[in-house]
Amino acid sequence: MLSYLSHLLQSLDVSCFAVLKHTYSHLVKNNMQLDINYIDKLDFLTAYSKAYTEAFKSENIKNGFAAARLMLFCPD
């Protein structure tokens, strides 16, 4: 990654990917409490899709850009 572009991608790291990591971790821990210690591809995709829909909401994306002090371009 080019050093002068890293601040543009930081907003997603602050909001969306942090929420994705936390939500997926929580789902895996819930499975472990149910004595499920192995996750196959189908289980991974199911948990990941739930975590993805929770993380990549429009409010999370907007909050990430606001936290990085970047304004989204809106010609209106």
Protein backbone atom coordinates (compact mmCIF):
# COMPACT_ATOMS: atom_id res chain seq x y z
CA MET A 1 0.00 0.00 0.00
CA LEU A 2 1.26 3.44 -0.80
CA SER A 3 2.07 5.45 2.30
CA TYR A 4 0.11 8.51 1.21
CA LEU A 5 -3.09 6.45 0.75
CA SER A 6 -3.19 4.57 4.06
CA HIS A 7 -5.32 7.22 5.78
CA LEU A 8 -8.04 6.69 3.15
CA LEU A 9 -8.37 3.01 4.06
CA GLN A 10 -8.02 3.50 7.81
CA SER A 11 -11.68 4.41 8.17
CA LEU A 12 -12.74 0.87 7.21
CA ASP A 13 -10.19 -0.60 9.60
CA VAL A 14 -11.49 1.55 12.46
CA SER A 15 -15.15 0.74 12.03
CA CYS A 16 -16.08 -2.14 9.76
CA PHE A 17 -13.23 -4.60 10.14
CA ALA A 18 -13.06 -4.13 13.92
CA VAL A 19 -16.78 -4.90 14.18
CA LEU A 20 -16.37 -7.85 11.78
CA LYS A 21 -13.58 -9.31 13.89
CA HIS A 22 -15.49 -8.82 17.15
CA THR A 23 -18.77 -10.24 15.81
CA TYR A 24 -17.15 -13.29 14.19
CA SER A 25 -15.15 -13.97 17.36
CA HIS A 26 -18.35 -13.80 19.40
CA LEU A 27 -20.10 -16.28 17.09
CA VAL A 28 -17.18 -18.72 17.31
CA LYS A 29 -17.12 -18.44 21.11
CA ASN A 30 -20.83 -19.23 21.20
CA ASN A 31 -20.15 -22.39 19.20
CA MET A 32 -17.37 -23.35 21.58
CA GLN A 33 -19.75 -23.03 24.52
CA LEU A 34 -22.02 -25.52 22.75
CA ASP A 35 -19.05 -27.94 22.56
CA ILE A 36 -18.57 -27.35 18.84
CA ASN A 37 -14.79 -27.27 18.47
CA TYR A 38 -14.52 -27.76 14.72
CA ILE A 39 -15.70 -25.31 12.08
CA ASP A 40 -16.03 -26.60 8.54
CA LYS A 41 -16.44 -24.45 5.43
CA LEU A 42 -20.21 -24.27 5.69
CA ASP A 43 -20.09 -23.22 9.35
CA PHE A 44 -17.45 -20.61 8.53
CA LEU A 45 -19.50 -19.14 5.71
CA THR A 46 -22.63 -19.05 7.84
CA ALA A 47 -20.89 -17.28 10.71
CA TYR A 48 -18.97 -14.96 8.38
CA SER A 49 -22.09 -13.88 6.50
CA LYS A 50 -23.82 -13.02 9.80
CA ALA A 51 -20.77 -11.08 10.96
CA TYR A 52 -20.45 -9.34 7.59
CA THR A 53 -24.04 -8.10 7.57
CA GLU A 54 -23.57 -6.80 11.11
CA ALA A 55 -20.27 -5.07 10.36
CA PHE A 56 -20.88 -3.48 6.98
CA LYS A 57 -23.95 -1.43 7.76
CA SER A 58 -24.14 2.06 6.32
CA GLU A 59 -24.02 3.63 9.80
CA ASN A 60 -20.77 1.78 10.61
CA ILE A 61 -19.20 2.93 7.34
CA LYS A 62 -20.24 6.55 7.92
CA ASN A 63 -18.99 6.45 11.51
CA GLY A 64 -15.67 5.06 10.34
CA PHE A 65 -15.15 7.91 7.91
CA ALA A 66 -16.17 10.41 10.58
CA ALA A 67 -13.70 8.89 13.06
CA ALA A 68 -10.92 9.18 10.48
CA ARG A 69 -12.05 12.77 9.82
CA LEU A 70 -12.89 12.09 6.20
CA MET A 71 -16.05 13.38 4.59
CA LEU A 72 -17.89 11.26 2.03
CA PHE A 73 -18.35 13.00 -1.30
CA CYS A 74 -21.97 13.83 -2.02
CA PRO A 75 -22.61 16.21 -4.95
CA ASP A 76 -26.15 16.93 -3.69
